[in-house]
Amino acid sequence: MTQKSEPTLRPKRTFKKINKIREAKRGGSCLKTNNQKTNIEKQGGKIINTKLFIMGLVFISTLIFFSTSHAADESGTIDSGWNIYSDGNLFFYLSGSQLNGPNCPITERWAFDTTTPLGKSFFSAFLTAYTTGKQIRVVGTGTCTHGNTETVAEFSVIN
């Protein structure tokens, strides 16, 4: 009868030892102390700082860009010749003069979307003011509908 030999047990490896082995295989140093940093770690900090700086610049320039857009303001009666396009946008002119308008190609013309809940409210007030000949006041968003007409943000009947 042959005697079975006891299997040899491998020493337990801790996570620390395994990480050192992996780092050594990659060509890194296992003997790095807490105060020492590799070039990659130093550059990583610079990259993060650069990204934060660029993100800050983008944020500030966006704020400046949007704060310089001007919304127009106009009061007057609705002129005849208004129309609604197939996309639901209503375009109209007022008898007054537009103040502080954006750089839309067609000035003193206004537009709003009649398919939205807000646009439906505007349209109701618009029809009332148009049929009664009352004056209205509109304030724009600072953007152009269809790329050429000030978009209405506020609509009110004056008298």
Protein backbone atom coordinates (compact mmCIF):
# COMPACT_ATOMS: atom_id res chain seq x y z
CA MET A 1 0.00 0.00 0.00
CA THR A 2 1.30 3.34 -1.00
CA GLN A 3 0.98 6.23 1.26
CA LYS A 4 -0.71 9.36 -0.01
CA SER A 5 1.32 12.44 0.51
CA GLU A 6 -0.28 15.50 1.95
CA PRO A 7 -0.88 18.22 -0.65
CA THR A 8 1.39 21.18 -0.31
CA LEU A 9 -0.46 24.33 0.59
CA ARG A 10 0.35 27.57 -1.14
CA PRO A 11 0.74 30.55 1.12
CA LYS A 12 -2.26 32.85 1.24
CA ARG A 13 -1.93 35.99 -0.80
CA THR A 14 -3.50 39.14 0.45
CA PHE A 15 -4.92 41.82 -1.81
CA LYS A 16 -1.90 43.95 -1.05
CA LYS A 17 0.47 41.25 -2.26
CA ILE A 18 -1.65 40.55 -5.35
CA ASN A 19 -1.66 44.23 -6.29
CA LYS A 20 2.12 44.40 -5.84
CA ILE A 21 2.53 41.40 -8.12
CA ARG A 22 0.25 42.91 -10.77
CA GLU A 23 2.08 46.22 -10.57
CA ALA A 24 5.45 44.49 -10.91
CA LYS A 25 4.21 42.63 -14.01
CA ARG A 26 3.17 45.96 -15.56
CA GLY A 27 6.61 47.37 -14.90
CA GLY A 28 5.64 49.53 -11.97
CA SER A 29 7.41 49.80 -8.70
CA CYS A 30 6.14 47.83 -5.73
CA LEU A 31 8.04 49.95 -3.30
CA LYS A 32 6.17 53.22 -3.76
CA THR A 33 5.55 55.09 -0.54
CA ASN A 34 2.54 57.28 0.18
CA ASN A 35 4.55 60.48 -0.37
CA GLN A 36 5.82 59.45 -3.81
CA LYS A 37 3.65 59.93 -6.88
CA THR A 38 4.22 58.62 -10.36
CA ASN A 39 4.39 60.96 -13.34
CA ILE A 40 1.00 59.73 -14.48
CA GLU A 41 -0.61 60.65 -11.16
CA LYS A 42 0.99 64.12 -11.28
CA GLN A 43 -0.22 64.69 -14.85
CA GLY A 44 -3.67 63.37 -13.97
CA GLY A 45 -4.09 66.17 -11.44
CA LYS A 46 -3.06 68.72 -14.06
CA ILE A 47 -5.53 67.26 -16.56
CA ILE A 48 -8.38 67.45 -14.06
CA ASN A 49 -7.49 71.05 -13.17
CA THR A 50 -7.35 71.98 -16.86
CA LYS A 51 -10.74 70.36 -17.50
CA LEU A 52 -12.29 72.25 -14.58
CA PHE A 53 -10.80 75.51 -15.84
CA ILE A 54 -12.17 74.95 -19.37
CA MET A 55 -15.61 73.99 -18.01
CA GLY A 56 -15.61 77.19 -15.94
CA LEU A 57 -14.74 79.29 -18.99
CA VAL A 58 -17.51 77.67 -21.03
CA PHE A 59 -20.01 78.30 -18.23
CA ILE A 60 -19.04 81.97 -17.86
CA SER A 61 -19.05 82.61 -21.61
CA THR A 62 -22.51 80.98 -21.86
CA LEU A 63 -23.81 83.28 -19.13
CA ILE A 64 -22.37 86.32 -20.89
CA PHE A 65 -23.82 85.25 -24.25
CA PHE A 66 -27.34 84.73 -22.92
CA SER A 67 -27.32 87.85 -20.76
CA THR A 68 -26.56 90.02 -23.81
CA SER A 69 -29.59 88.83 -25.80
CA HIS A 70 -32.31 91.45 -25.69
CA ALA A 71 -36.02 90.78 -25.70
CA ALA A 72 -38.18 93.23 -27.58
CA ASP A 73 -41.13 95.09 -26.10
CA GLU A 74 -44.02 96.66 -28.01
CA SER A 75 -47.50 98.03 -27.37
CA GLY A 76 -50.20 98.83 -29.91
CA THR A 77 -53.21 97.45 -31.76
CA ILE A 78 -53.04 94.34 -33.92
CA ASP A 79 -52.75 95.15 -37.62
CA SER A 80 -54.72 93.19 -40.18
CA GLY A 81 -52.80 90.63 -42.17
CA TRP A 82 -51.94 88.13 -39.44
CA ASN A 83 -51.67 84.46 -40.39
CA ILE A 84 -51.15 81.01 -38.90
CA TYR A 85 -48.69 78.63 -40.53
CA SER A 86 -49.15 74.85 -40.76
CA ASP A 87 -46.81 74.31 -37.81
CA GLY A 88 -49.21 76.28 -35.57
CA ASN A 89 -47.17 79.50 -35.33
CA LEU A 90 -49.22 82.69 -35.57
CA PHE A 91 -47.45 85.75 -37.06
CA PHE A 92 -48.77 89.29 -36.59
CA TYR A 93 -47.79 92.98 -36.65
CA LEU A 94 -48.62 95.71 -34.13
CA SER A 95 -49.23 99.39 -34.83
CA GLY A 96 -46.52 100.45 -32.33
CA SER A 97 -42.74 100.50 -32.57
CA GLN A 98 -40.69 97.58 -31.34
CA LEU A 99 -38.11 98.48 -28.69
CA ASN A 100 -34.82 96.69 -27.96
CA GLY A 101 -35.54 93.89 -30.42
CA PRO A 102 -33.22 90.98 -31.14
CA ASN A 103 -31.41 90.76 -34.43
CA CYS A 104 -34.29 89.09 -36.28
CA PRO A 105 -34.43 89.88 -40.02
CA ILE A 106 -38.11 90.93 -39.84
CA THR A 107 -38.60 93.61 -37.20
CA GLU A 108 -41.88 94.65 -35.64
CA ARG A 109 -43.41 91.25 -36.37
CA TRP A 110 -44.30 88.82 -33.60
CA ALA A 111 -44.98 85.08 -33.41
CA PHE A 112 -46.18 82.45 -30.93
CA ASP A 113 -47.06 78.75 -31.15
CA THR A 114 -50.84 78.24 -30.93
CA THR A 115 -50.48 74.50 -30.27
CA THR A 116 -49.04 74.83 -26.75
CA PRO A 117 -51.16 75.54 -23.65
CA LEU A 118 -49.53 78.98 -23.30
CA GLY A 119 -49.98 79.67 -27.01
CA LYS A 120 -53.69 78.78 -26.75
CA SER A 121 -54.06 81.35 -23.95
CA PHE A 122 -52.22 83.93 -26.08
CA PHE A 123 -54.46 83.11 -29.05
CA SER A 124 -57.63 83.60 -27.00
CA ALA A 125 -56.45 87.01 -25.79
CA PHE A 126 -55.20 87.83 -29.29
CA LEU A 127 -58.61 87.18 -30.89
CA THR A 128 -60.37 89.21 -28.19
CA ALA A 129 -58.01 92.17 -28.66
CA TYR A 130 -58.20 91.92 -32.45
CA THR A 131 -62.00 91.82 -32.67
CA THR A 132 -62.49 94.62 -30.09
CA GLY A 133 -59.61 96.79 -31.33
CA LYS A 134 -58.01 96.93 -27.87
CA GLN A 135 -54.34 97.65 -27.37
CA ILE A 136 -51.98 94.87 -26.33
CA ARG A 137 -48.48 94.71 -24.98
CA VAL A 138 -46.09 91.93 -25.98
CA VAL A 139 -42.63 91.11 -24.65
CA GLY A 140 -40.34 88.81 -26.57
CA THR A 141 -38.09 85.95 -25.57
CA GLY A 142 -35.02 87.35 -27.34
CA THR A 143 -35.10 84.54 -29.90
CA CYS A 144 -36.45 84.38 -33.43
CA THR A 145 -39.21 82.00 -34.59
CA HIS A 146 -38.49 80.54 -38.04
CA GLY A 147 -35.19 82.40 -37.76
CA ASN A 148 -36.74 85.77 -38.64
CA THR A 149 -39.48 86.88 -36.18
CA GLU A 150 -39.43 87.72 -32.44
CA THR A 151 -41.06 85.00 -30.30
CA VAL A 152 -43.67 86.19 -27.78
CA ALA A 153 -42.98 85.49 -24.09
CA GLU A 154 -45.68 87.72 -22.54
CA PHE A 155 -48.99 88.83 -23.99
CA SER A 156 -51.38 91.21 -22.24
CA VAL A 157 -54.42 93.28 -23.17
CA ILE A 158 -53.87 96.87 -22.00
CA ASN A 159 -57.33 98.51 -22.15
